[in-house]
PDB file of N, CA and C in Angstrom:
ATOM      1  N   MET A   1     142.705  73.227 -94.666  1.00  0.00           N
ATOM      2  CA  MET A   1     141.685  72.865 -93.571  1.00  0.00           C
ATOM      3  C   MET A   1     142.149  72.027 -92.544  1.00  0.00           C
ATOM      4  N   LYS A   2     143.355  71.366 -92.614  1.00  0.00           N
ATOM      5  CA  LYS A   2     143.829  70.365 -91.552  1.00  0.00           C
ATOM      6  C   LYS A   2     144.386  71.183 -90.371  1.00  0.00           C
ATOM      7  N   LYS A   3     145.086  72.415 -90.965  1.00  0.00           N
ATOM      8  CA  LYS A   3     145.777  73.015 -89.872  1.00  0.00           C
ATOM      9  C   LYS A   3     144.861  73.901 -89.210  1.00  0.00           C
ATOM     10  N   VAL A   4     143.745  74.468 -89.580  1.00  0.00           N
ATOM     11  CA  VAL A   4     142.926  75.213 -88.843  1.00  0.00           C
ATOM     12  C   VAL A   4     141.948  74.255 -87.992  1.00  0.00           C
ATOM     13  N   CYS A   5     141.819  73.041 -88.506  1.00  0.00           N
ATOM     14  CA  CYS A   5     140.778  72.170 -87.717  1.00  0.00           C
ATOM     15  C   CYS A   5     141.439  71.180 -86.857  1.00  0.00           C
ATOM     16  N   GLY A   6     142.840  71.393 -86.700  1.00  0.00           N
ATOM     17  CA  GLY A   6     143.712  70.417 -86.002  1.00  0.00           C
ATOM     18  C   GLY A   6     143.268  70.171 -84.559  1.00  0.00           C
ATOM     19  N   ASN A   7     142.747  71.132 -83.870  1.00  0.00           N
ATOM     20  CA  ASN A   7     142.367  71.207 -82.361  1.00  0.00           C
ATOM     21  C   ASN A   7     140.824  71.055 -82.343  1.00  0.00           C
ATOM     22  N   LEU A   8     140.100  71.062 -83.182  1.00  0.00           N
ATOM     23  CA  LEU A   8     138.469  70.829 -83.530  1.00  0.00           C
ATOM     24  C   LEU A   8     138.002  69.531 -82.854  1.00  0.00           C
ATOM     25  N   LYS A   9     138.645  68.505 -83.302  1.00  0.00           N
ATOM     26  CA  LYS A   9     138.206  67.166 -83.003  1.00  0.00           C
ATOM     27  C   LYS A   9     138.431  67.057 -81.495  1.00  0.00           C
ATOM     28  N   LEU A  10     139.651  67.495 -81.121  1.00  0.00           N
ATOM     29  CA  LEU A  10     139.972  67.170 -79.744  1.00  0.00           C
ATOM     30  C   LEU A  10     139.056  68.073 -78.863  1.00  0.00           C
ATOM     31  N   GLU A  11     138.924  69.364 -79.158  1.00  0.00           N
ATOM     32  CA  GLU A  11     138.068  70.325 -78.333  1.00  0.00           C
ATOM     33  C   GLU A  11     136.609  69.763 -78.295  1.00  0.00           C
ATOM     34  N   LEU A  12     136.044  69.171 -79.398  1.00  0.00           N
ATOM     35  CA  LEU A  12     134.711  68.694 -79.247  1.00  0.00           C
ATOM     36  C   LEU A  12     134.610  67.451 -78.437  1.00  0.00           C
ATOM     37  N   ALA A  13     135.471  66.804 -78.366  1.00  0.00           N
ATOM     38  CA  ALA A  13     135.627  65.411 -77.672  1.00  0.00           C
ATOM     39  C   ALA A  13     135.599  65.769 -76.262  1.00  0.00           C
ATOM     40  N   GLN A  14     136.465  66.826 -75.775  1.00  0.00           N
ATOM     41  CA  GLN A  14     136.576  67.227 -74.454  1.00  0.00           C
ATOM     42  C   GLN A  14     135.316  67.708 -74.014  1.00  0.00           C
ATOM     43  N   TYR A  15     134.735  68.625 -74.905  1.00  0.00           N
ATOM     44  CA  TYR A  15     133.227  69.215 -74.324  1.00  0.00           C
ATOM     45  C   TYR A  15     132.113  68.109 -74.416  1.00  0.00           C
ATOM     46  N   ARG A  16     132.175  67.253 -75.138  1.00  0.00           N
ATOM     47  CA  ARG A  16     131.112  66.126 -75.112  1.00  0.00           C
ATOM     48  C   ARG A  16     131.607  65.398 -73.563  1.00  0.00           C
ATOM     49  N   GLU A  17     132.761  65.070 -73.323  1.00  0.00           N
ATOM     50  CA  GLU A  17     133.035  64.405 -71.907  1.00  0.00           C
ATOM     51  C   GLU A  17     132.602  65.249 -70.791  1.00  0.00           C
ATOM     52  N   VAL A  18     132.916  66.503 -70.790  1.00  0.00           N
ATOM     53  CA  VAL A  18     132.557  67.509 -69.606  1.00  0.00           C
ATOM     54  C   VAL A  18     130.972  67.555 -69.831  1.00  0.00           C
ATOM     55  N   VAL A  19     130.282  67.793 -70.862  1.00  0.00           N
ATOM     56  CA  VAL A  19     128.889  67.922 -70.923  1.00  0.00           C
ATOM     57  C   VAL A  19     128.372  66.709 -70.110  1.00  0.00           C
ATOM     58  N   ALA A  20     128.685  65.456 -70.131  1.00  0.00           N
ATOM     59  CA  ALA A  20     128.260  64.455 -69.695  1.00  0.00           C
ATOM     60  C   ALA A  20     128.504  64.401 -67.986  1.00  0.00           C
ATOM     61  N   PHE A  21     129.994  64.724 -67.724  1.00  0.00           N
ATOM     62  CA  PHE A  21     130.175  64.804 -66.348  1.00  0.00           C
ATOM     63  C   PHE A  21     129.208  66.053 -65.698  1.00  0.00           C
ATOM     64  N   ALA A  22     129.349  67.309 -66.492  1.00  0.00           N
ATOM     65  CA  ALA A  22     128.753  68.256 -65.675  1.00  0.00           C
ATOM     66  C   ALA A  22     127.170  68.280 -65.512  1.00  0.00           C
ATOM     67  N   GLN A  23     126.612  67.091 -65.904  1.00  0.00           N
ATOM     68  CA  GLN A  23     124.916  66.970 -65.651  1.00  0.00           C
ATOM     69  C   GLN A  23     125.001  66.492 -63.966  1.00  0.00           C
ATOM     70  N   PHE A  24     125.967  65.791 -63.596  1.00  0.00           N
ATOM     71  CA  PHE A  24     125.924  65.172 -62.404  1.00  0.00           C
ATOM     72  C   PHE A  24     126.479  66.294 -61.374  1.00  0.00           C
ATOM     73  N   GLY A  25     127.152  67.251 -61.738  1.00  0.00           N
ATOM     74  CA  GLY A  25     127.786  68.107 -60.645  1.00  0.00           C
ATOM     75  C   GLY A  25     127.355  69.583 -60.908  1.00  0.00           C
ATOM     76  N   SER A  26     127.262  70.366 -59.814  1.00  0.00           N
ATOM     77  CA  SER A  26     126.809  71.791 -60.110  1.00  0.00           C
ATOM     78  C   SER A  26     127.922  72.833 -59.868  1.00  0.00           C
ATOM     79  N   ASP A  27     129.039  72.285 -58.979  1.00  0.00           N
ATOM     80  CA  ASP A  27     130.250  73.186 -59.004  1.00  0.00           C
ATOM     81  C   ASP A  27     131.081  72.914 -60.060  1.00  0.00           C
ATOM     82  N   LEU A  28     131.279  73.907 -60.820  1.00  0.00           N
ATOM     83  CA  LEU A  28     132.343  73.889 -62.060  1.00  0.00           C
ATOM     84  C   LEU A  28     133.168  75.011 -61.867  1.00  0.00           C
ATOM     85  N   ASP A  29     134.785  74.745 -61.940  1.00  0.00           N
ATOM     86  CA  ASP A  29     135.535  75.666 -62.055  1.00  0.00           C
ATOM     87  C   ASP A  29     135.653  76.563 -63.337  1.00  0.00           C
ATOM     88  N   ALA A  30     136.531  77.584 -63.172  1.00  0.00           N
ATOM     89  CA  ALA A  30     136.515  78.513 -64.206  1.00  0.00           C
ATOM     90  C   ALA A  30     136.785  77.820 -65.567  1.00  0.00           C
ATOM     91  N   ALA A  31     137.939  76.912 -65.416  1.00  0.00           N
ATOM     92  CA  ALA A  31     138.389  76.243 -66.741  1.00  0.00           C
ATOM     93  C   ALA A  31     137.298  75.519 -67.552  1.00  0.00           C
ATOM     94  N   THR A  32     136.514  74.466 -66.425  1.00  0.00           N
ATOM     95  CA  THR A  32     135.408  73.989 -67.210  1.00  0.00           C
ATOM     96  C   THR A  32     134.402  74.695 -67.551  1.00  0.00           C
ATOM     97  N   GLN A  33     133.981  75.699 -67.111  1.00  0.00           N
ATOM     98  CA  GLN A  33     132.884  76.518 -67.703  1.00  0.00           C
ATOM     99  C   GLN A  33     133.550  77.141 -68.865  1.00  0.00           C
ATOM    100  N   ALA A  34     134.835  77.533 -69.114  1.00  0.00           N
ATOM    101  CA  ALA A  34     135.425  77.963 -70.579  1.00  0.00           C
ATOM    102  C   ALA A  34     135.211  77.070 -71.524  1.00  0.00           C
ATOM    103  N   LEU A  35     135.467  75.500 -70.978  1.00  0.00           N
ATOM    104  CA  LEU A  35     135.326  74.603 -71.955  1.00  0.00           C
ATOM    105  C   LEU A  35     133.983  74.347 -72.523  1.00  0.00           C
ATOM    106  N   LEU A  36     132.775  74.377 -71.421  1.00  0.00           N
ATOM    107  CA  LEU A  36     131.701  74.014 -72.005  1.00  0.00           C
ATOM    108  C   LEU A  36     131.378  75.389 -72.947  1.00  0.00           C
ATOM    109  N   ASN A  37     131.657  76.546 -72.675  1.00  0.00           N
ATOM    110  CA  ASN A  37     131.231  77.828 -73.617  1.00  0.00           C
ATOM    111  C   ASN A  37     131.965  77.657 -74.859  1.00  0.00           C
ATOM    112  N   ARG A  38     133.172  77.327 -74.725  1.00  0.00           N
ATOM    113  CA  ARG A  38     133.799  77.212 -76.111  1.00  0.00           C
ATOM    114  C   ARG A  38     133.120  75.885 -77.095  1.00  0.00           C
ATOM    115  N   GLY A  39     133.046  74.727 -76.389  1.00  0.00           N
ATOM    116  CA  GLY A  39     132.285  73.794 -77.199  1.00  0.00           C
ATOM    117  C   GLY A  39     130.936  73.959 -77.828  1.00  0.00           C
ATOM    118  N   ALA A  40     130.154  74.747 -76.838  1.00  0.00           N
ATOM    119  CA  ALA A  40     128.855  75.232 -77.331  1.00  0.00           C
ATOM    120  C   ALA A  40     129.054  75.890 -78.386  1.00  0.00           C
ATOM    121  N   ARG A  41     129.993  76.891 -78.620  1.00  0.00           N
ATOM    122  CA  ARG A  41     130.026  77.988 -79.619  1.00  0.00           C
ATOM    123  C   ARG A  41     130.746  76.855 -80.884  1.00  0.00           C
ATOM    124  N   LEU A  42     131.589  76.059 -80.658  1.00  0.00           N
ATOM    125  CA  LEU A  42     132.136  75.309 -81.602  1.00  0.00           C
ATOM    126  C   LEU A  42     130.835  74.572 -82.387  1.00  0.00           C
ATOM    127  N   THR A  43     129.812  73.860 -81.603  1.00  0.00           N
ATOM    128  CA  THR A  43     129.001  73.236 -82.076  1.00  0.00           C
ATOM    129  C   THR A  43     127.997  73.918 -82.979  1.00  0.00           C
ATOM    130  N   GLU A  44     127.820  75.181 -82.386  1.00  0.00           N
ATOM    131  CA  GLU A  44     126.975  76.152 -83.084  1.00  0.00           C
ATOM    132  C   GLU A  44     127.723  76.736 -84.580  1.00  0.00           C
ATOM    133  N   VAL A  45     128.751  76.826 -84.507  1.00  0.00           N
ATOM    134  CA  VAL A  45     129.621  77.198 -85.600  1.00  0.00           C
ATOM    135  C   VAL A  45     129.663  76.079 -86.837  1.00  0.00           C
ATOM    136  N   LEU A  46     129.445  74.718 -86.224  1.00  0.00           N
ATOM    137  CA  LEU A  46     129.374  73.758 -87.642  1.00  0.00           C
ATOM    138  C   LEU A  46     127.906  73.495 -87.983  1.00  0.00           C
ATOM    139  N   LYS A  47     127.015  74.067 -87.611  1.00  0.00           N
ATOM    140  CA  LYS A  47     125.797  73.838 -87.935  1.00  0.00           C
ATOM    141  C   LYS A  47     125.740  74.654 -89.330  1.00  0.00           C
ATOM    142  N   GLN A  48     125.037  73.938 -90.472  1.00  0.00           N
ATOM    143  CA  GLN A  48     124.702  74.859 -91.640  1.00  0.00           C
ATOM    144  C   GLN A  48     123.238  74.234 -92.267  1.00  0.00           C
ATOM    145  N   LEU A  49     122.924  75.006 -93.062  1.00  0.00           N
ATOM    146  CA  LEU A  49     121.619  74.733 -93.565  1.00  0.00           C
ATOM    147  C   LEU A  49     121.669  73.603 -94.439  1.00  0.00           C
ATOM    148  N   GLN A  50     120.569  72.615 -94.201  1.00  0.00           N
ATOM    149  CA  GLN A  50     120.496  71.403 -95.135  1.00  0.00           C
ATOM    150  C   GLN A  50     120.591  71.738 -96.569  1.00  0.00           C
ATOM    151  N   TYR A  51     121.211  71.011 -97.547  1.00  0.00           N
ATOM    152  CA  TYR A  51     121.504  71.018 -98.906  1.00  0.00           C
ATOM    153  C   TYR A  51     122.302  72.479 -99.080  1.00  0.00           C
ATOM    154  N   ALA A  52     122.579  72.971 -98.444  1.00  0.00           N
ATOM    155  CA  ALA A  52     123.219  74.320 -98.600  1.00  0.00           C
ATOM    156  C   ALA A  52     124.533  74.472 -97.713  1.00  0.00           C
ATOM    157  N   PRO A  53     125.651  73.532 -98.068  1.00  0.00           N
ATOM    158  CA  PRO A  53     126.710  73.663 -97.337  1.00  0.00           C
ATOM    159  C   PRO A  53     127.685  74.951 -97.769  1.00  0.00           C
ATOM    160  N   PHE A  54     128.676  75.501 -96.851  1.00  0.00           N
ATOM    161  CA  PHE A  54     129.552  76.640 -97.199  1.00  0.00           C
ATOM    162  C   PHE A  54     130.478  76.021 -98.102  1.00  0.00           C
ATOM    163  N   PRO A  55     131.319  76.664 -99.033  1.00  0.00           N
ATOM    164  CA  PRO A  55     132.372  76.580 -99.584  1.00  0.00           C
ATOM    165  C   PRO A  55     133.421  76.256 -98.675  1.00  0.00           C
ATOM    166  N   ILE A  56     134.462  75.588 -99.078  1.00  0.00           N
ATOM    167  CA  ILE A  56     135.415  75.085 -98.098  1.00  0.00           C
ATOM    168  C   ILE A  56     136.149  76.680 -97.521  1.00  0.00           C
ATOM    169  N   GLU A  57     136.355  77.302 -98.431  1.00  0.00           N
ATOM    170  CA  GLU A  57     137.303  78.698 -97.849  1.00  0.00           C
ATOM    171  C   GLU A  57     136.548  79.230 -96.886  1.00  0.00           C
ATOM    172  N   LYS A  58     135.007  79.115 -97.046  1.00  0.00           N
ATOM    173  CA  LYS A  58     134.277  80.076 -95.938  1.00  0.00           C
ATOM    174  C   LYS A  58     134.051  79.288 -94.442  1.00  0.00           C
ATOM    175  N   GLN A  59     134.307  77.575 -94.849  1.00  0.00           N
ATOM    176  CA  GLN A  59     134.250  77.071 -93.587  1.00  0.00           C
ATOM    177  C   GLN A  59     135.349  77.138 -92.718  1.00  0.00           C
ATOM    178  N   ILE A  60     136.699  77.439 -93.460  1.00  0.00           N
ATOM    179  CA  ILE A  60     137.775  77.778 -92.855  1.00  0.00           C
ATOM    180  C   ILE A  60     137.812  78.900 -92.037  1.00  0.00           C
ATOM    181  N   LEU A  61     137.310  79.890 -92.821  1.00  0.00           N
ATOM    182  CA  LEU A  61     137.098  81.052 -91.973  1.00  0.00           C
ATOM    183  C   LEU A  61     136.239  81.153 -90.665  1.00  0.00           C
ATOM    184  N   VAL A  62     135.219  80.585 -90.700  1.00  0.00           N
ATOM    185  CA  VAL A  62     134.435  80.351 -89.598  1.00  0.00           C
ATOM    186  C   VAL A  62     134.911  79.637 -88.495  1.00  0.00           C
ATOM    187  N   ILE A  63     135.483  78.559 -89.007  1.00  0.00           N
ATOM    188  CA  ILE A  63     136.291  77.469 -88.049  1.00  0.00           C
ATOM    189  C   ILE A  63     137.365  78.207 -87.435  1.00  0.00           C
ATOM    190  N   TYR A  64     138.202  78.811 -88.073  1.00  0.00           N
ATOM    191  CA  TYR A  64     139.297  79.479 -87.668  1.00  0.00           C
ATOM    192  C   TYR A  64     138.678  80.712 -86.304  1.00  0.00           C
ATOM    193  N   ALA A  65     137.540  81.377 -86.845  1.00  0.00           N
ATOM    194  CA  ALA A  65     137.245  82.096 -85.740  1.00  0.00           C
ATOM    195  C   ALA A  65     136.888  81.760 -84.614  1.00  0.00           C
ATOM    196  N   ALA A  66     136.229  80.570 -84.672  1.00  0.00           N
ATOM    197  CA  ALA A  66     135.671  80.098 -83.466  1.00  0.00           C
ATOM    198  C   ALA A  66     136.757  79.093 -82.575  1.00  0.00           C
ATOM    199  N   ILE A  67     137.821  78.444 -83.258  1.00  0.00           N
ATOM    200  CA  ILE A  67     138.584  77.819 -82.644  1.00  0.00           C
ATOM    201  C   ILE A  67     139.693  78.732 -81.922  1.00  0.00           C
ATOM    202  N   ASN A  68     139.900  79.965 -82.514  1.00  0.00           N
ATOM    203  CA  ASN A  68     140.739  80.819 -81.940  1.00  0.00           C
ATOM    204  C   ASN A  68     140.424  81.963 -80.892  1.00  0.00           C
ATOM    205  N   GLY A  69     138.983  81.763 -80.468  1.00  0.00           N
ATOM    206  CA  GLY A  69     138.374  82.291 -79.279  1.00  0.00           C
ATOM    207  C   GLY A  69     137.798  83.728 -79.863  1.00  0.00           C
ATOM    208  N   PHE A  70     137.283  83.965 -81.155  1.00  0.00           N
ATOM    209  CA  PHE A  70     136.761  85.252 -81.536  1.00  0.00           C
ATOM    210  C   PHE A  70     135.210  84.954 -81.036  1.00  0.00           C
ATOM    211  N   CYS A  71     134.659  83.805 -80.958  1.00  0.00           N
ATOM    212  CA  CYS A  71     133.200  83.571 -80.492  1.00  0.00           C
ATOM    213  C   CYS A  71     133.281  83.368 -78.976  1.00  0.00           C
ATOM    214  N   ASP A  72     134.154  83.311 -78.216  1.00  0.00           N
ATOM    215  CA  ASP A  72     133.904  82.792 -76.901  1.00  0.00           C
ATOM    216  C   ASP A  72     133.117  83.829 -76.087  1.00  0.00           C
ATOM    217  N   ARG A  73     133.227  85.196 -76.310  1.00  0.00           N
ATOM    218  CA  ARG A  73     132.461  85.798 -75.335  1.00  0.00           C
ATOM    219  C   ARG A  73     131.115  86.334 -75.863  1.00  0.00           C
ATOM    220  N   MET A  74     130.771  85.802 -77.110  1.00  0.00           N
ATOM    221  CA  MET A  74     129.512  86.153 -77.985  1.00  0.00           C
ATOM    222  C   MET A  74     128.349  85.375 -77.559  1.00  0.00           C
ATOM    223  N   PRO A  75     127.239  85.801 -77.226  1.00  0.00           N
ATOM    224  CA  PRO A  75     126.053  84.931 -77.124  1.00  0.00           C
ATOM    225  C   PRO A  75     125.719  83.894 -78.166  1.00  0.00           C
ATOM    226  N   LEU A  76     125.277  83.030 -77.776  1.00  0.00           N
ATOM    227  CA  LEU A  76     125.009  81.697 -78.836  1.00  0.00           C
ATOM    228  C   LEU A  76     123.967  82.095 -79.808  1.00  0.00           C
ATOM    229  N   GLU A  77     123.212  83.024 -79.605  1.00  0.00           N
ATOM    230  CA  GLU A  77     122.097  83.271 -80.538  1.00  0.00           C
ATOM    231  C   GLU A  77     122.455  84.392 -81.432  1.00  0.00           C
ATOM    232  N   LYS A  78     123.788  84.925 -81.370  1.00  0.00           N
ATOM    233  CA  LYS A  78     124.546  85.756 -82.325  1.00  0.00           C
ATOM    234  C   LYS A  78     125.499  85.213 -83.046  1.00  0.00           C
ATOM    235  N   ILE A  79     125.703  83.631 -82.857  1.00  0.00           N
ATOM    236  CA  ILE A  79     126.678  83.136 -83.642  1.00  0.00           C
ATOM    237  C   ILE A  79     126.230  83.202 -85.109  1.00  0.00           C
ATOM    238  N   ALA A  80     125.241  82.814 -85.413  1.00  0.00           N
ATOM    239  CA  ALA A  80     124.609  82.660 -86.796  1.00  0.00           C
ATOM    240  C   ALA A  80     124.703  83.983 -87.431  1.00  0.00           C
ATOM    241  N   LEU A  81     124.422  85.109 -86.656  1.00  0.00           N
ATOM    242  CA  LEU A  81     124.502  86.499 -87.478  1.00  0.00           C
ATOM    243  C   LEU A  81     125.918  86.839 -87.723  1.00  0.00           C
ATOM    244  N   TYR A  82     126.876  86.473 -86.786  1.00  0.00           N
ATOM    245  CA  TYR A  82     128.142  86.795 -86.713  1.00  0.00           C
ATOM    246  C   TYR A  82     128.850  86.044 -87.958  1.00  0.00           C
ATOM    247  N   GLU A  83     128.538  85.037 -88.020  1.00  0.00           N
ATOM    248  CA  GLU A  83     128.977  83.963 -89.237  1.00  0.00           C
ATOM    249  C   GLU A  83     128.348  84.733 -90.558  1.00  0.00           C
ATOM    250  N   LYS A  84     127.073  85.380 -90.658  1.00  0.00           N
ATOM    251  CA  LYS A  84     126.750  86.060 -92.010  1.00  0.00           C
ATOM    252  C   LYS A  84     127.952  87.319 -92.430  1.00  0.00           C
ATOM    253  N   ALA A  85     127.812  88.123 -91.095  1.00  0.00           N
ATOM    254  CA  ALA A  85     128.571  89.203 -91.243  1.00  0.00           C
ATOM    255  C   ALA A  85     129.909  89.093 -91.591  1.00  0.00           C
ATOM    256  N   ILE A  86     130.811  88.271 -91.281  1.00  0.00           N
ATOM    257  CA  ILE A  86     132.027  87.928 -91.437  1.00  0.00           C
ATOM    258  C   ILE A  86     132.241  87.361 -92.952  1.00  0.00           C
ATOM    259  N   LEU A  87     131.207  86.370 -93.117  1.00  0.00           N
ATOM    260  CA  LEU A  87     131.420  85.938 -94.679  1.00  0.00           C
ATOM    261  C   LEU A  87     131.007  86.941 -95.870  1.00  0.00           C
ATOM    262  N   SER A  88     130.026  88.154 -95.431  1.00  0.00           N
ATOM    263  CA  SER A  88     129.793  89.088 -96.290  1.00  0.00           C
ATOM    264  C   SER A  88     130.650  90.189 -96.347  1.00  0.00           C
ATOM    265  N   SER A  89     131.549  90.228 -95.260  1.00  0.00           N
ATOM    266  CA  SER A  89     132.299  91.507 -95.228  1.00  0.00           C
ATOM    267  C   SER A  89     133.918  91.170 -95.571  1.00  0.00           C
ATOM    268  N   ILE A  90     134.192  89.956 -95.556  1.00  0.00           N
ATOM    269  CA  ILE A  90     135.798  89.641 -96.101  1.00  0.00           C
ATOM    270  C   ILE A  90     135.857  89.779 -97.327  1.00  0.00           C
ATOM    271  N   THR A  91     137.251  90.396 -97.698  1.00  0.00           N
ATOM    272  CA  THR A  91     137.517  90.434 -98.898  1.00  0.00           C
ATOM    273  C   THR A  91     137.830  89.292 -99.768  1.00  0.00           C
ATOM    274  N   PRO A  92     137.363  89.296-101.035  1.00  0.00           N
ATOM    275  CA  PRO A  92     137.511  87.861-101.913  1.00  0.00           C
ATOM    276  C   PRO A  92     138.811  87.586-101.835  1.00  0.00           C
ATOM    277  N   ASP A  93     139.743  88.501-101.905  1.00  0.00           N
ATOM    278  CA  ASP A  93     141.225  88.215-102.079  1.00  0.00           C
ATOM    279  C   ASP A  93     141.813  87.261-100.846  1.00  0.00           C
ATOM    280  N   LEU A  94     141.167  87.893 -99.673  1.00  0.00           N
ATOM    281  CA  LEU A  94     141.615  87.055 -98.332  1.00  0.00           C
ATOM    282  C   LEU A  94     140.881  85.827 -98.334  1.00  0.00           C
ATOM    283  N   LEU A  95     139.755  85.689 -98.617  1.00  0.00           N
ATOM    284  CA  LEU A  95     139.079  84.391 -98.429  1.00  0.00           C
ATOM    285  C   LEU A  95     139.662  83.363 -99.693  1.00  0.00           C
ATOM    286  N   GLN A  96     139.889  83.777-101.088  1.00  0.00           N
ATOM    287  CA  GLN A  96     140.564  82.990-101.777  1.00  0.00           C
ATOM    288  C   GLN A  96     141.985  82.668-101.303  1.00  0.00           C
ATOM    289  N   ALA A  97     142.708  83.629-100.508  1.00  0.00           N
ATOM    290  CA  ALA A  97     144.059  83.003 -99.909  1.00  0.00           C
ATOM    291  C   ALA A  97     143.890  82.034 -99.089  1.00  0.00           C
ATOM    292  N   LEU A  98     142.727  81.833 -98.579  1.00  0.00           N
ATOM    293  CA  LEU A  98     142.688  80.626 -97.345  1.00  0.00           C
ATOM    294  C   LEU A  98     142.784  79.163 -98.157  1.00  0.00           C
ATOM    295  N   LEU A  99     142.608  79.224 -99.327  1.00  0.00           N
ATOM    296  CA  LEU A  99     142.666  77.958 -99.955  1.00  0.00           C
ATOM    297  C   LEU A  99     144.161  77.561-100.042  1.00  0.00           C
ATOM    298  N   GLY A 100     144.840  78.508-100.134  1.00  0.00           N
ATOM    299  CA  GLY A 100     146.359  78.102-100.453  1.00  0.00           C
ATOM    300  C   GLY A 100     146.954  77.754 -99.138  1.00  0.00           C
ATOM    301  N   GLY A 101     146.358  77.775 -97.954  1.00  0.00           N
ATOM    302  CA  GLY A 101     146.937  77.545 -96.993  1.00  0.00           C
ATOM    303  C   GLY A 101     147.212  78.676 -95.801  1.00  0.00           C
ATOM    304  N   LEU A 102     147.550  78.541 -94.620  1.00  0.00           N
ATOM    305  CA  LEU A 102     147.552  79.422 -93.751  1.00  0.00           C
ATOM    306  C   LEU A 102     149.282  80.107 -93.470  1.00  0.00           C
ATOM    307  N   THR A 103     149.790  81.191 -93.862  1.00  0.00           N
ATOM    308  CA  THR A 103     151.013  81.414 -93.554  1.00  0.00           C
ATOM    309  C   THR A 103     151.048  82.416 -92.505  1.00  0.00           C
ATOM    310  N   ASN A 104     151.983  82.729 -91.949  1.00  0.00           N
ATOM    311  CA  ASN A 104     151.918  83.488 -90.763  1.00  0.00           C
ATOM    312  C   ASN A 104     151.380  85.120 -91.283  1.00  0.00           C
ATOM    313  N   GLU A 105     151.826  85.409 -92.405  1.00  0.00           N
ATOM    314  CA  GLU A 105     151.143  86.846 -93.084  1.00  0.00           C
ATOM    315  C   GLU A 105     149.583  86.620 -92.960  1.00  0.00           C
ATOM    316  N   ARG A 106     149.161  85.640 -93.573  1.00  0.00           N
ATOM    317  CA  ARG A 106     147.757  85.411 -93.877  1.00  0.00           C
ATOM    318  C   ARG A 106     147.138  85.472 -92.464  1.00  0.00           C
ATOM    319  N   LYS A 107     147.543  84.595 -91.550  1.00  0.00           N
ATOM    320  CA  LYS A 107     146.945  84.754 -90.137  1.00  0.00           C
ATOM    321  C   LYS A 107     147.101  85.980 -89.577  1.00  0.00           C
ATOM    322  N   MET A 108     147.892  86.835 -89.688  1.00  0.00           N
ATOM    323  CA  MET A 108     148.000  88.060 -89.010  1.00  0.00           C
ATOM    324  C   MET A 108     146.536  88.981 -89.771  1.00  0.00           C
ATOM    325  N   GLU A 109     146.892  88.820 -91.178  1.00  0.00           N
ATOM    326  CA  GLU A 109     145.476  89.753 -91.683  1.00  0.00           C
ATOM    327  C   GLU A 109     144.203  89.162 -91.433  1.00  0.00           C
ATOM    328  N   LEU A 110     144.087  87.879 -91.135  1.00  0.00           N
ATOM    329  CA  LEU A 110     142.818  87.088 -90.882  1.00  0.00           C
ATOM    330  C   LEU A 110     142.538  87.534 -89.293  1.00  0.00           C
ATOM    331  N   GLU A 111     143.481  87.465 -88.499  1.00  0.00           N
ATOM    332  CA  GLU A 111     143.266  87.842 -87.088  1.00  0.00           C
ATOM    333  C   GLU A 111     142.672  89.420 -86.960  1.00  0.00           C
ATOM    334  N   ALA A 112     143.365  90.308 -87.849  1.00  0.00           N
ATOM    335  CA  ALA A 112     142.980  91.710 -87.703  1.00  0.00           C
ATOM    336  C   ALA A 112     141.647  91.836 -88.316  1.00  0.00           C
ATOM    337  N   PHE A 113     141.144  91.172 -89.131  1.00  0.00           N
ATOM    338  CA  PHE A 113     139.995  91.224 -89.796  1.00  0.00           C
ATOM    339  C   PHE A 113     139.054  90.768 -88.789  1.00  0.00           C
ATOM    340  N   LEU A 114     139.142  89.476 -87.964  1.00  0.00           N
ATOM    341  CA  LEU A 114     138.305  88.927 -87.164  1.00  0.00           C
ATOM    342  C   LEU A 114     137.955  89.865 -85.753  1.00  0.00           C
ATOM    343  N   LYS A 115     139.253  90.512 -85.436  1.00  0.00           N
ATOM    344  CA  LYS A 115     139.260  91.418 -84.251  1.00  0.00           C
ATOM    345  C   LYS A 115     138.226  92.617 -84.542  1.00  0.00           C
ATOM    346  N   GLU A 116     138.220  92.999 -85.559  1.00  0.00           N
ATOM    347  CA  GLU A 116     137.532  94.159 -86.163  1.00  0.00           C
ATOM    348  C   GLU A 116     136.022  93.777 -86.379  1.00  0.00           C
ATOM    349  N   SER A 117     135.604  92.630 -86.734  1.00  0.00           N
ATOM    350  CA  SER A 117     134.265  92.327 -87.016  1.00  0.00           C
ATOM    351  C   SER A 117     133.612  91.627 -85.973  1.00  0.00           C
ATOM    352  N   ASP A 118     134.195  91.245 -84.930  1.00  0.00           N
ATOM    353  CA  ASP A 118     133.414  90.758 -83.658  1.00  0.00           C
ATOM    354  C   ASP A 118     132.982  91.725 -82.792  1.00  0.00           C
ATOM    355  N   LEU A 119     133.386  93.027 -82.912  1.00  0.00           N
ATOM    356  CA  LEU A 119     133.168  94.057 -81.854  1.00  0.00           C
ATOM    357  C   LEU A 119     131.498  94.176 -81.588  1.00  0.00           C
ATOM    358  N   PRO A 120     130.794  94.591 -82.680  1.00  0.00           N
ATOM    359  CA  PRO A 120     129.351  94.785 -82.575  1.00  0.00           C
ATOM    360  C   PRO A 120     128.628  93.530 -82.075  1.00  0.00           C
ATOM    361  N   TYR A 121     129.165  92.297 -81.777  1.00  0.00           N
ATOM    362  CA  TYR A 121     128.327  90.985 -81.514  1.00  0.00           C
ATOM    363  C   TYR A 121     128.772  90.690 -80.071  1.00  0.00           C
ATOM    364  N   LEU A 122     129.503  91.457 -79.251  1.00  0.00           N
ATOM    365  CA  LEU A 122     129.802  91.172 -77.918  1.00  0.00           C
ATOM    366  C   LEU A 122     128.870  91.628 -77.028  1.00  0.00           C
TER     367      LEU A 122
END
């Protein structure tokens, strides 16, 4: 979880800072707009139903997808549907493998799975 979420805290802090700044300015460059879009998607991914938290391996999968840009081009209203789709279609073996840590082989498997599963939601 620490390897996957390493940049999450930093990206969310940058997002909150830029959101506060963007309220006062109207002209934003492409990098700032990308940061705002990524932050909004990360915030959306972190939302869970009350009293129904995801198991840790499912959290790792969803956060990994968001941090590595698989949700960047996706509309915000489709993020929850995308989460449900990837969580229901991932193989149990790969999901359990996430608990053991991310090796390069697992990252490649995970990225191949996520690339296939994000196409209907773009």
